[in-house]
C-alpha atoms as a PDB file:
ATOM      1  CA  UNK A   1      73.984  26.274 -39.005  1.00  0.00           C
ATOM      2  CA  UNK A   2      70.932  24.293 -40.032  1.00  0.00           C
ATOM      3  CA  UNK A   3      67.739  26.339 -39.922  1.00  0.00           C
ATOM      4  CA  UNK A   4      65.146  23.762 -40.909  1.00  0.00           C
ATOM      5  CA  UNK A   5      63.454  24.095 -37.513  1.00  0.00           C
ATOM      6  CA  UNK A   6      63.289  27.884 -37.930  1.00  0.00           C
ATOM      7  CA  UNK A   7      61.796  28.610 -41.367  1.00  0.00           C
ATOM      8  CA  UNK A   8      61.674  32.277 -42.407  1.00  0.00           C
ATOM      9  CA  UNK A   9      63.455  33.470 -39.276  1.00  0.00           C
ATOM     10  CA  UNK A  10      66.669  35.419 -39.026  1.00  0.00           C
ATOM     11  CA  UNK A  11      69.390  33.571 -37.173  1.00  0.00           C
ATOM     12  CA  UNK A  12      72.078  35.549 -35.409  1.00  0.00           C
ATOM     13  CA  UNK A  13      75.230  33.616 -34.661  1.00  0.00           C
ATOM     14  CA  UNK A  14      77.715  34.998 -32.165  1.00  0.00           C
ATOM     15  CA  UNK A  15      80.991  35.895 -33.888  1.00  0.00           C
ATOM     16  CA  UNK A  16      82.917  33.808 -31.320  1.00  0.00           C
ATOM     17  CA  UNK A  17      80.846  30.662 -31.949  1.00  0.00           C
ATOM     18  CA  UNK A  18      83.109  27.710 -32.784  1.00  0.00           C
ATOM     19  CA  UNK A  19      81.720  25.451 -35.489  1.00  0.00           C
ATOM     20  CA  UNK A  20      82.859  21.858 -35.406  1.00  0.00           C
ATOM     21  CA  UNK A  21      82.108  18.280 -36.305  1.00  0.00           C
ATOM     22  CA  UNK A  22      82.098  15.139 -34.181  1.00  0.00           C
ATOM     23  CA  UNK A  23      84.669  13.632 -36.515  1.00  0.00           C
ATOM     24  CA  UNK A  24      86.553  14.555 -39.645  1.00  0.00           C
ATOM     25  CA  UNK A  25      88.439  12.855 -42.425  1.00  0.00           C
ATOM     26  CA  UNK A  26      90.988  14.362 -44.761  1.00  0.00           C
ATOM     27  CA  UNK A  27      90.862  13.324 -48.392  1.00  0.00           C
ATOM     28  CA  UNK A  28      93.580  13.850 -50.962  1.00  0.00           C
ATOM     29  CA  UNK A  29      92.344  13.697 -54.571  1.00  0.00           C
ATOM     30  CA  UNK A  30      94.847  12.700 -57.257  1.00  0.00           C
ATOM     31  CA  UNK A  31      93.706  13.703 -60.742  1.00  0.00           C
ATOM     32  CA  UNK A  32      94.906  11.148 -63.264  1.00  0.00           C
ATOM     33  CA  UNK A  33      94.836  10.895 -67.025  1.00  0.00           C
ATOM     34  CA  UNK A  34      91.600  11.415 -68.903  1.00  0.00           C
ATOM     35  CA  UNK A  35      88.805  11.823 -66.336  1.00  0.00           C
ATOM     36  CA  UNK A  36      90.031   9.381 -63.665  1.00  0.00           C
ATOM     37  CA  UNK A  37      90.858  10.182 -60.034  1.00  0.00           C
ATOM     38  CA  UNK A  38      92.062   8.315 -56.979  1.00  0.00           C
ATOM     39  CA  UNK A  39      91.054   9.527 -53.530  1.00  0.00           C
ATOM     40  CA  UNK A  40      93.186   8.679 -50.505  1.00  0.00           C
ATOM     41  CA  UNK A  41      91.494   9.087 -47.143  1.00  0.00           C
ATOM     42  CA  UNK A  42      93.483   9.827 -43.980  1.00  0.00           C
ATOM     43  CA  UNK A  43      92.438   6.476 -42.464  1.00  0.00           C
ATOM     44  CA  UNK A  44      94.039   4.579 -45.384  1.00  0.00           C
ATOM     45  CA  UNK A  45      91.083   3.903 -47.695  1.00  0.00           C
ATOM     46  CA  UNK A  46      91.745   4.422 -51.423  1.00  0.00           C
ATOM     47  CA  UNK A  47      88.817   4.880 -53.796  1.00  0.00           C
ATOM     48  CA  UNK A  48      88.823   5.421 -57.560  1.00  0.00           C
ATOM     49  CA  UNK A  49      86.411   7.701 -59.374  1.00  0.00           C
ATOM     50  CA  UNK A  50      85.998  10.283 -62.095  1.00  0.00           C
ATOM     51  CA  UNK A  51      86.204  14.048 -62.448  1.00  0.00           C
ATOM     52  CA  UNK A  52      84.387  16.499 -64.678  1.00  0.00           C
ATOM     53  CA  UNK A  53      84.194  20.257 -65.127  1.00  0.00           C
ATOM     54  CA  UNK A  54      80.832  21.928 -64.489  1.00  0.00           C
ATOM     55  CA  UNK A  55      80.705  24.627 -67.154  1.00  0.00           C
ATOM     56  CA  UNK A  56      83.399  27.143 -66.181  1.00  0.00           C
ATOM     57  CA  UNK A  57      82.330  27.134 -62.543  1.00  0.00           C
ATOM     58  CA  UNK A  58      83.579  24.074 -60.696  1.00  0.00           C
ATOM     59  CA  UNK A  59      85.321  20.713 -60.628  1.00  0.00           C
ATOM     60  CA  UNK A  60      83.121  17.733 -59.727  1.00  0.00           C
ATOM     61  CA  UNK A  61      84.699  14.544 -58.347  1.00  0.00           C
ATOM     62  CA  UNK A  62      82.494  11.445 -58.099  1.00  0.00           C
ATOM     63  CA  UNK A  63      83.937   8.433 -56.289  1.00  0.00           C
ATOM     64  CA  UNK A  64      82.996   4.817 -56.912  1.00  0.00           C
ATOM     65  CA  UNK A  65      81.739   4.565 -53.294  1.00  0.00           C
ATOM     66  CA  UNK A  66      79.057   7.214 -53.977  1.00  0.00           C
ATOM     67  CA  UNK A  67      80.775  10.213 -52.393  1.00  0.00           C
ATOM     68  CA  UNK A  68      80.941  13.445 -54.379  1.00  0.00           C
ATOM     69  CA  UNK A  69      83.065  16.555 -53.961  1.00  0.00           C
ATOM     70  CA  UNK A  70      82.692  19.938 -55.644  1.00  0.00           C
ATOM     71  CA  UNK A  71      85.401  22.600 -55.781  1.00  0.00           C
ATOM     72  CA  UNK A  72      84.282  25.966 -57.117  1.00  0.00           C
ATOM     73  CA  UNK A  73      86.664  27.916 -59.325  1.00  0.00           C
ATOM     74  CA  UNK A  74      87.581  31.442 -58.382  1.00  0.00           C
ATOM     75  CA  UNK A  75      87.589  34.009 -61.154  1.00  0.00           C
ATOM     76  CA  UNK A  76      89.386  37.343 -60.957  1.00  0.00           C
ATOM     77  CA  UNK A  77      88.688  40.070 -63.471  1.00  0.00           C
ATOM     78  CA  UNK A  78      91.882  41.631 -64.706  1.00  0.00           C
ATOM     79  CA  UNK A  79      92.057  44.893 -66.571  1.00  0.00           C
ATOM     80  CA  UNK A  80      93.428  44.688 -70.077  1.00  0.00           C
ATOM     81  CA  UNK A  81      95.533  47.356 -71.692  1.00  0.00           C
ATOM     82  CA  UNK A  82      94.734  47.695 -75.360  1.00  0.00           C
ATOM     83  CA  UNK A  83      97.633  48.188 -77.746  1.00  0.00           C
ATOM     84  CA  UNK A  84      97.530  51.558 -79.483  1.00  0.00           C
END
């Protein structure tokens, strides 16, 4: 929920509030060789672009039409058993 009209105020959102958008579009990203991608939108548009890794934190996809997508990596800490 955007709070730019309420700076420095606590916002309480009812747990049953349904967030939504006026419209939506599904995008499928195909990672290709090297750093190339092809994005296929649900309405049929296909756009090429590039991908890059942001440190060890995320995957950044930049499309030739100016759109960008970021997918954060999830890290799980696993215990290691040392050989004795």
